[in-house]
Amino acid sequence: MTSPRDGSIQEDIGRRLVEARLIDDAALQKAALQQKSTGSSLTANLVKTGAITEEGLLDFLSNFYGAPAIDLKNYEPDPALIS
């Protein structure tokens, strides 16, 4: 469930992606419409529509928040921790 604040954070990230020229206004508007109709996040919609790659978004968010990116796609958790 998202709070009203989550929406404004998503909008801010969307605007910053446009300012960084990683997406265009049309892609942002399309993703925002999908967000309203499906309830999925703006950033997920941007990736889903191909406006930005998942890796491109990850790199942008890493720089935006000043935190290193971690790719867990090929990460194998310790089996002892799962049981």
PDB file of N, CA and C in Angstrom:
ATOM      1  N   MET A   1       0.846  -1.171   0.000  1.00  0.00           N
ATOM      2  CA  MET A   1       0.000   0.000   0.000  1.00  0.00           C
ATOM      3  C   MET A   1       0.896   1.240   0.000  1.00  0.00           C
ATOM      4  N   THR A   2       0.547   2.243  -0.768  1.00  0.00           N
ATOM      5  CA  THR A   2       1.354   3.453  -0.842  1.00  0.00           C
ATOM      6  C   THR A   2       0.666   4.572  -0.104  1.00  0.00           C
ATOM      7  N   SER A   3       1.456   5.442   0.471  1.00  0.00           N
ATOM      8  CA  SER A   3       0.912   6.607   1.150  1.00  0.00           C
ATOM      9  C   SER A   3       0.951   7.784   0.195  1.00  0.00           C
ATOM     10  N   PRO A   4       0.221   8.869   0.511  1.00  0.00           N
ATOM     11  CA  PRO A   4       0.282  10.046  -0.359  1.00  0.00           C
ATOM     12  C   PRO A   4       1.704  10.559  -0.546  1.00  0.00           C
ATOM     13  N   ARG A   5       2.518  10.429   0.485  1.00  0.00           N
ATOM     14  CA  ARG A   5       3.907  10.878   0.387  1.00  0.00           C
ATOM     15  C   ARG A   5       4.680  10.054  -0.635  1.00  0.00           C
ATOM     16  N   ASP A   6       4.406   8.742  -0.702  1.00  0.00           N
ATOM     17  CA  ASP A   6       5.072   7.878  -1.687  1.00  0.00           C
ATOM     18  C   ASP A   6       4.830   8.392  -3.101  1.00  0.00           C
ATOM     19  N   GLY A   7       3.611   8.829  -3.377  1.00  0.00           N
ATOM     20  CA  GLY A   7       3.277   9.363  -4.698  1.00  0.00           C
ATOM     21  C   GLY A   7       4.091  10.588  -5.028  1.00  0.00           C
ATOM     22  N   SER A   8       4.268  11.481  -4.054  1.00  0.00           N
ATOM     23  CA  SER A   8       5.036  12.689  -4.331  1.00  0.00           C
ATOM     24  C   SER A   8       6.512  12.376  -4.520  1.00  0.00           C
ATOM     25  N   ILE A   9       7.018  11.368  -3.828  1.00  0.00           N
ATOM     26  CA  ILE A   9       8.411  10.951  -4.019  1.00  0.00           C
ATOM     27  C   ILE A   9       8.572  10.385  -5.422  1.00  0.00           C
ATOM     28  N   GLN A  10       7.621   9.556  -5.856  1.00  0.00           N
ATOM     29  CA  GLN A  10       7.665   8.983  -7.198  1.00  0.00           C
ATOM     30  C   GLN A  10       7.616  10.087  -8.253  1.00  0.00           C
ATOM     31  N   GLU A  11       6.744  11.079  -8.045  1.00  0.00           N
ATOM     32  CA  GLU A  11       6.649  12.191  -8.995  1.00  0.00           C
ATOM     33  C   GLU A  11       7.956  12.955  -9.062  1.00  0.00           C
ATOM     34  N   ASP A  12       8.589  13.160  -7.900  1.00  0.00           N
ATOM     35  CA  ASP A  12       9.864  13.869  -7.858  1.00  0.00           C
ATOM     36  C   ASP A  12      10.940  13.078  -8.599  1.00  0.00           C
ATOM     37  N   ILE A  13      10.963  11.783  -8.398  1.00  0.00           N
ATOM     38  CA  ILE A  13      11.938  10.952  -9.101  1.00  0.00           C
ATOM     39  C   ILE A  13      11.672  10.999 -10.602  1.00  0.00           C
ATOM     40  N   GLY A  14      10.410  10.929 -10.980  1.00  0.00           N
ATOM     41  CA  GLY A  14      10.049  11.023 -12.396  1.00  0.00           C
ATOM     42  C   GLY A  14      10.521  12.325 -13.007  1.00  0.00           C
ATOM     43  N   ARG A  15      10.294  13.430 -12.313  1.00  0.00           N
ATOM     44  CA  ARG A  15      10.709  14.738 -12.801  1.00  0.00           C
ATOM     45  C   ARG A  15      12.230  14.801 -12.917  1.00  0.00           C
ATOM     46  N   ARG A  16      12.919  14.245 -11.950  1.00  0.00           N
ATOM     47  CA  ARG A  16      14.389  14.260 -11.979  1.00  0.00           C
ATOM     48  C   ARG A  16      14.944  13.385 -13.106  1.00  0.00           C
ATOM     49  N   LEU A  17      14.242  12.298 -13.417  1.00  0.00           N
ATOM     50  CA  LEU A  17      14.655  11.475 -14.557  1.00  0.00           C
ATOM     51  C   LEU A  17      14.521  12.260 -15.858  1.00  0.00           C
ATOM     52  N   VAL A  18      13.476  13.073 -15.965  1.00  0.00           N
ATOM     53  CA  VAL A  18      13.304  13.929 -17.146  1.00  0.00           C
ATOM     54  C   VAL A  18      14.417  14.967 -17.185  1.00  0.00           C
ATOM     55  N   GLU A  19      14.682  15.607 -16.056  1.00  0.00           N
ATOM     56  CA  GLU A  19      15.737  16.625 -15.993  1.00  0.00           C
ATOM     57  C   GLU A  19      17.100  16.048 -16.353  1.00  0.00           C
ATOM     58  N   ALA A  20      17.323  14.784 -15.984  1.00  0.00           N
ATOM     59  CA  ALA A  20      18.596  14.115 -16.304  1.00  0.00           C
ATOM     60  C   ALA A  20      18.614  13.603 -17.741  1.00  0.00           C
ATOM     61  N   ARG A  21      17.501  13.804 -18.448  1.00  0.00           N
ATOM     62  CA  ARG A  21      17.342  13.368 -19.836  1.00  0.00           C
ATOM     63  C   ARG A  21      17.460  11.862 -20.013  1.00  0.00           C
ATOM     64  N   LEU A  22      17.020  11.140 -18.982  1.00  0.00           N
ATOM     65  CA  LEU A  22      17.003   9.685 -19.057  1.00  0.00           C
ATOM     66  C   LEU A  22      15.665   9.184 -19.593  1.00  0.00           C
ATOM     67  N   ILE A  23      14.625   9.999 -19.435  1.00  0.00           N
ATOM     68  CA  ILE A  23      13.308   9.724 -20.017  1.00  0.00           C
ATOM     69  C   ILE A  23      12.772  11.040 -20.565  1.00  0.00           C
ATOM     70  N   ASP A  24      11.703  10.962 -21.363  1.00  0.00           N
ATOM     71  CA  ASP A  24      11.085  12.204 -21.841  1.00  0.00           C
ATOM     72  C   ASP A  24       9.732  12.406 -21.171  1.00  0.00           C
ATOM     73  N   ASP A  25       9.146  13.585 -21.385  1.00  0.00           N
ATOM     74  CA  ASP A  25       7.866  13.922 -20.759  1.00  0.00           C
ATOM     75  C   ASP A  25       6.757  12.948 -21.153  1.00  0.00           C
ATOM     76  N   ALA A  26       6.752  12.512 -22.397  1.00  0.00           N
ATOM     77  CA  ALA A  26       5.713  11.583 -22.855  1.00  0.00           C
ATOM     78  C   ALA A  26       5.782  10.270 -22.079  1.00  0.00           C
ATOM     79  N   ALA A  27       6.992   9.767 -21.855  1.00  0.00           N
ATOM     80  CA  ALA A  27       7.159   8.519 -21.101  1.00  0.00           C
ATOM     81  C   ALA A  27       6.705   8.707 -19.660  1.00  0.00           C
ATOM     82  N   LEU A  28       7.014   9.855 -19.085  1.00  0.00           N
ATOM     83  CA  LEU A  28       6.603  10.143 -17.711  1.00  0.00           C
ATOM     84  C   LEU A  28       5.083  10.203 -17.602  1.00  0.00           C
ATOM     85  N   GLN A  29       4.443  10.873 -18.554  1.00  0.00           N
ATOM     86  CA  GLN A  29       2.980  10.974 -18.541  1.00  0.00           C
ATOM     87  C   GLN A  29       2.333   9.601 -18.708  1.00  0.00           C
ATOM     88  N   LYS A  30       2.866   8.789 -19.598  1.00  0.00           N
ATOM     89  CA  LYS A  30       2.324   7.443 -19.824  1.00  0.00           C
ATOM     90  C   LYS A  30       2.446   6.604 -18.549  1.00  0.00           C
ATOM     91  N   ALA A  31       3.591   6.667 -17.908  1.00  0.00           N
ATOM     92  CA  ALA A  31       3.809   5.902 -16.682  1.00  0.00           C
ATOM     93  C   ALA A  31       2.900   6.401 -15.561  1.00  0.00           C
ATOM     94  N   ALA A  32       2.676   7.717 -15.503  1.00  0.00           N
ATOM     95  CA  ALA A  32       1.800   8.289 -14.479  1.00  0.00           C
ATOM     96  C   ALA A  32       0.355   7.838 -14.681  1.00  0.00           C
ATOM     97  N   LEU A  33      -0.094   7.771 -15.923  1.00  0.00           N
ATOM     98  CA  LEU A  33      -1.447   7.285 -16.210  1.00  0.00           C
ATOM     99  C   LEU A  33      -1.594   5.821 -15.803  1.00  0.00           C
ATOM    100  N   GLN A  34      -0.584   5.027 -16.109  1.00  0.00           N
ATOM    101  CA  GLN A  34      -0.615   3.618 -15.719  1.00  0.00           C
ATOM    102  C   GLN A  34      -0.614   3.476 -14.205  1.00  0.00           C
ATOM    103  N   GLN A  35       0.119   4.355 -13.528  1.00  0.00           N
ATOM    104  CA  GLN A  35       0.170   4.318 -12.069  1.00  0.00           C
ATOM    105  C   GLN A  35      -1.229   4.536 -11.496  1.00  0.00           C
ATOM    106  N   LYS A  36      -1.954   5.485 -12.054  1.00  0.00           N
ATOM    107  CA  LYS A  36      -3.300   5.777 -11.567  1.00  0.00           C
ATOM    108  C   LYS A  36      -4.268   4.641 -11.864  1.00  0.00           C
ATOM    109  N   SER A  37      -4.123   4.009 -13.020  1.00  0.00           N
ATOM    110  CA  SER A  37      -5.082   2.967 -13.392  1.00  0.00           C
ATOM    111  C   SER A  37      -4.755   1.596 -12.800  1.00  0.00           C
ATOM    112  N   THR A  38      -3.473   1.303 -12.591  1.00  0.00           N
ATOM    113  CA  THR A  38      -3.100  -0.031 -12.107  1.00  0.00           C
ATOM    114  C   THR A  38      -2.646  -0.041 -10.650  1.00  0.00           C
ATOM    115  N   GLY A  39      -2.225   1.106 -10.146  1.00  0.00           N
ATOM    116  CA  GLY A  39      -1.734   1.169  -8.778  1.00  0.00           C
ATOM    117  C   GLY A  39      -0.269   0.797  -8.634  1.00  0.00           C
ATOM    118  N   SER A  40       0.366   0.395  -9.734  1.00  0.00           N
ATOM    119  CA  SER A  40       1.791   0.073  -9.654  1.00  0.00           C
ATOM    120  C   SER A  40       2.610   1.359  -9.625  1.00  0.00           C
ATOM    121  N   SER A  41       3.843   1.242  -9.211  1.00  0.00           N
ATOM    122  CA  SER A  41       4.664   2.441  -9.030  1.00  0.00           C
ATOM    123  C   SER A  41       5.051   3.073 -10.370  1.00  0.00           C
ATOM    124  N   LEU A  42       5.317   4.347 -10.301  1.00  0.00           N
ATOM    125  CA  LEU A  42       5.737   5.103 -11.476  1.00  0.00           C
ATOM    126  C   LEU A  42       7.018   4.519 -12.054  1.00  0.00           C
ATOM    127  N   THR A  43       7.982   4.238 -11.199  1.00  0.00           N
ATOM    128  CA  THR A  43       9.261   3.715 -11.685  1.00  0.00           C
ATOM    129  C   THR A  43       9.099   2.325 -12.299  1.00  0.00           C
ATOM    130  N   ALA A  44       8.251   1.488 -11.712  1.00  0.00           N
ATOM    131  CA  ALA A  44       7.997   0.163 -12.294  1.00  0.00           C
ATOM    132  C   ALA A  44       7.375   0.312 -13.678  1.00  0.00           C
ATOM    133  N   ASN A  45       6.479   1.270 -13.832  1.00  0.00           N
ATOM    134  CA  ASN A  45       5.847   1.500 -15.131  1.00  0.00           C
ATOM    135  C   ASN A  45       6.841   2.018 -16.153  1.00  0.00           C
ATOM    136  N   LEU A  46       7.778   2.850 -15.732  1.00  0.00           N
ATOM    137  CA  LEU A  46       8.799   3.353 -16.652  1.00  0.00           C
ATOM    138  C   LEU A  46       9.650   2.213 -17.192  1.00  0.00           C
ATOM    139  N   VAL A  47       9.985   1.275 -16.326  1.00  0.00           N
ATOM    140  CA  VAL A  47      10.764   0.112 -16.755  1.00  0.00           C
ATOM    141  C   VAL A  47       9.901  -0.792 -17.635  1.00  0.00           C
ATOM    142  N   LYS A  48       8.669  -1.030 -17.204  1.00  0.00           N
ATOM    143  CA  LYS A  48       7.764  -1.921 -17.941  1.00  0.00           C
ATOM    144  C   LYS A  48       7.511  -1.433 -19.364  1.00  0.00           C
ATOM    145  N   THR A  49       7.406  -0.119 -19.542  1.00  0.00           N
ATOM    146  CA  THR A  49       7.138   0.432 -20.873  1.00  0.00           C
ATOM    147  C   THR A  49       8.405   0.595 -21.701  1.00  0.00           C
ATOM    148  N   GLY A  50       9.556   0.335 -21.104  1.00  0.00           N
ATOM    149  CA  GLY A  50      10.812   0.440 -21.835  1.00  0.00           C
ATOM    150  C   GLY A  50      11.368   1.856 -21.904  1.00  0.00           C
ATOM    151  N   ALA A  51      10.804   2.766 -21.106  1.00  0.00           N
ATOM    152  CA  ALA A  51      11.304   4.142 -21.104  1.00  0.00           C
ATOM    153  C   ALA A  51      12.717   4.220 -20.532  1.00  0.00           C
ATOM    154  N   ILE A  52      13.025   3.304 -19.612  1.00  0.00           N
ATOM    155  CA  ILE A  52      14.353   3.230 -19.002  1.00  0.00           C
ATOM    156  C   ILE A  52      14.592   1.768 -18.633  1.00  0.00           C
ATOM    157  N   THR A  53      15.832   1.348 -18.679  1.00  0.00           N
ATOM    158  CA  THR A  53      16.138  -0.026 -18.284  1.00  0.00           C
ATOM    159  C   THR A  53      16.178  -0.119 -16.764  1.00  0.00           C
ATOM    160  N   GLU A  54      16.030  -1.317 -16.272  1.00  0.00           N
ATOM    161  CA  GLU A  54      16.115  -1.532 -14.828  1.00  0.00           C
ATOM    162  C   GLU A  54      17.499  -1.117 -14.325  1.00  0.00           C
ATOM    163  N   GLU A  55      18.530  -1.429 -15.117  1.00  0.00           N
ATOM    164  CA  GLU A  55      19.896  -1.070 -14.723  1.00  0.00           C
ATOM    165  C   GLU A  55      20.087   0.445 -14.734  1.00  0.00           C
ATOM    166  N   GLY A  56      19.507   1.111 -15.744  1.00  0.00           N
ATOM    167  CA  GLY A  56      19.598   2.567 -15.814  1.00  0.00           C
ATOM    168  C   GLY A  56      18.910   3.228 -14.632  1.00  0.00           C
ATOM    169  N   LEU A  57      17.748   2.697 -14.248  1.00  0.00           N
ATOM    170  CA  LEU A  57      17.028   3.236 -13.095  1.00  0.00           C
ATOM    171  C   LEU A  57      17.810   2.983 -11.814  1.00  0.00           C
ATOM    172  N   LEU A  58      18.364   1.781 -11.690  1.00  0.00           N
ATOM    173  CA  LEU A  58      19.161   1.443 -10.510  1.00  0.00           C
ATOM    174  C   LEU A  58      20.355   2.377 -10.372  1.00  0.00           C
ATOM    175  N   ASP A  59      21.041   2.641 -11.471  1.00  0.00           N
ATOM    176  CA  ASP A  59      22.189   3.546 -11.455  1.00  0.00           C
ATOM    177  C   ASP A  59      21.759   4.955 -11.055  1.00  0.00           C
ATOM    178  N   PHE A  60      20.645   5.431 -11.638  1.00  0.00           N
ATOM    179  CA  PHE A  60      20.135   6.759 -11.302  1.00  0.00           C
ATOM    180  C   PHE A  60      19.778   6.848  -9.816  1.00  0.00           C
ATOM    181  N   LEU A  61      19.037   5.853  -9.311  1.00  0.00           N
ATOM    182  CA  LEU A  61      18.622   5.885  -7.904  1.00  0.00           C
ATOM    183  C   LEU A  61      19.810   5.782  -6.962  1.00  0.00           C
ATOM    184  N   SER A  62      20.817   5.023  -7.351  1.00  0.00           N
ATOM    185  CA  SER A  62      22.026   4.913  -6.545  1.00  0.00           C
ATOM    186  C   SER A  62      22.686   6.282  -6.398  1.00  0.00           C
ATOM    187  N   ASN A  63      22.794   7.007  -7.508  1.00  0.00           N
ATOM    188  CA  ASN A  63      23.373   8.353  -7.463  1.00  0.00           C
ATOM    189  C   ASN A  63      22.456   9.330  -6.732  1.00  0.00           C
ATOM    190  N   PHE A  64      21.153   9.218  -6.971  1.00  0.00           N
ATOM    191  CA  PHE A  64      20.166  10.113  -6.365  1.00  0.00           C
ATOM    192  C   PHE A  64      20.201  10.029  -4.837  1.00  0.00           C
ATOM    193  N   TYR A  65      20.257   8.802  -4.314  1.00  0.00           N
ATOM    194  CA  TYR A  65      20.242   8.606  -2.863  1.00  0.00           C
ATOM    195  C   TYR A  65      21.641   8.535  -2.251  1.00  0.00           C
ATOM    196  N   GLY A  66      22.676   8.526  -3.101  1.00  0.00           N
ATOM    197  CA  GLY A  66      24.039   8.475  -2.584  1.00  0.00           C
ATOM    198  C   GLY A  66      24.348   7.153  -1.898  1.00  0.00           C
ATOM    199  N   ALA A  67      23.757   6.081  -2.410  1.00  0.00           N
ATOM    200  CA  ALA A  67      23.982   4.759  -1.832  1.00  0.00           C
ATOM    201  C   ALA A  67      24.415   3.808  -2.944  1.00  0.00           C
ATOM    202  N   PRO A  68      25.287   2.878  -2.624  1.00  0.00           N
ATOM    203  CA  PRO A  68      25.721   1.950  -3.667  1.00  0.00           C
ATOM    204  C   PRO A  68      24.577   1.036  -4.111  1.00  0.00           C
ATOM    205  N   ALA A  69      24.604   0.691  -5.374  1.00  0.00           N
ATOM    206  CA  ALA A  69      23.603  -0.222  -5.928  1.00  0.00           C
ATOM    207  C   ALA A  69      24.034  -1.657  -5.669  1.00  0.00           C
ATOM    208  N   ILE A  70      23.069  -2.502  -5.405  1.00  0.00           N
ATOM    209  CA  ILE A  70      23.343  -3.920  -5.190  1.00  0.00           C
ATOM    210  C   ILE A  70      22.464  -4.705  -6.151  1.00  0.00           C
ATOM    211  N   ASP A  71      23.084  -5.511  -6.986  1.00  0.00           N
ATOM    212  CA  ASP A  71      22.349  -6.344  -7.934  1.00  0.00           C
ATOM    213  C   ASP A  71      22.198  -7.734  -7.331  1.00  0.00           C
ATOM    214  N   LEU A  72      20.960  -8.097  -7.008  1.00  0.00           N
ATOM    215  CA  LEU A  72      20.710  -9.378  -6.358  1.00  0.00           C
ATOM    216  C   LEU A  72      20.255 -10.465  -7.327  1.00  0.00           C
ATOM    217  N   LYS A  73      20.298 -10.175  -8.616  1.00  0.00           N
ATOM    218  CA  LYS A  73      19.819 -11.160  -9.604  1.00  0.00           C
ATOM    219  C   LYS A  73      20.588 -12.465  -9.533  1.00  0.00           C
ATOM    220  N   ASN A  74      21.881 -12.402  -9.341  1.00  0.00           N
ATOM    221  CA  ASN A  74      22.706 -13.603  -9.325  1.00  0.00           C
ATOM    222  C   ASN A  74      23.166 -13.979  -7.923  1.00  0.00           C
ATOM    223  N   TYR A  75      22.513 -13.431  -6.923  1.00  0.00           N
ATOM    224  CA  TYR A  75      22.886 -13.692  -5.538  1.00  0.00           C
ATOM    225  C   TYR A  75      22.244 -14.984  -5.055  1.00  0.00           C
ATOM    226  N   GLU A  76      23.036 -15.852  -4.503  1.00  0.00           N
ATOM    227  CA  GLU A  76      22.546 -17.103  -3.933  1.00  0.00           C
ATOM    228  C   GLU A  76      22.575 -16.973  -2.412  1.00  0.00           C
ATOM    229  N   PRO A  77      21.405 -16.951  -1.767  1.00  0.00           N
ATOM    230  CA  PRO A  77      21.414 -16.846  -0.305  1.00  0.00           C
ATOM    231  C   PRO A  77      21.971 -18.108   0.344  1.00  0.00           C
ATOM    232  N   ASP A  78      22.514 -17.939   1.507  1.00  0.00           N
ATOM    233  CA  ASP A  78      23.052 -19.062   2.266  1.00  0.00           C
ATOM    234  C   ASP A  78      21.899 -19.997   2.603  1.00  0.00           C
ATOM    235  N   PRO A  79      21.951 -21.265   2.176  1.00  0.00           N
ATOM    236  CA  PRO A  79      20.847 -22.195   2.441  1.00  0.00           C
ATOM    237  C   PRO A  79      20.539 -22.348   3.919  1.00  0.00           C
ATOM    238  N   ALA A  80      21.550 -22.187   4.764  1.00  0.00           N
ATOM    239  CA  ALA A  80      21.334 -22.316   6.206  1.00  0.00           C
ATOM    240  C   ALA A  80      20.419 -21.211   6.733  1.00  0.00           C
ATOM    241  N   LEU A  81      20.392 -20.093   6.058  1.00  0.00           N
ATOM    242  CA  LEU A  81      19.553 -18.981   6.499  1.00  0.00           C
ATOM    243  C   LEU A  81      18.106 -19.140   6.052  1.00  0.00           C
ATOM    244  N   ILE A  82      17.872 -19.975   5.059  1.00  0.00           N
ATOM    245  CA  ILE A  82      16.534 -20.158   4.520  1.00  0.00           C
ATOM    246  C   ILE A  82      15.715 -21.131   5.348  1.00  0.00           C
ATOM    247  N   SER A  83      16.373 -22.144   5.891  1.00  0.00           N
ATOM    248  CA  SER A  83      15.615 -23.172   6.623  1.00  0.00           C
ATOM    249  C   SER A  83      15.196 -22.760   8.000  1.00  0.00           C
TER     250      SER A  83
END
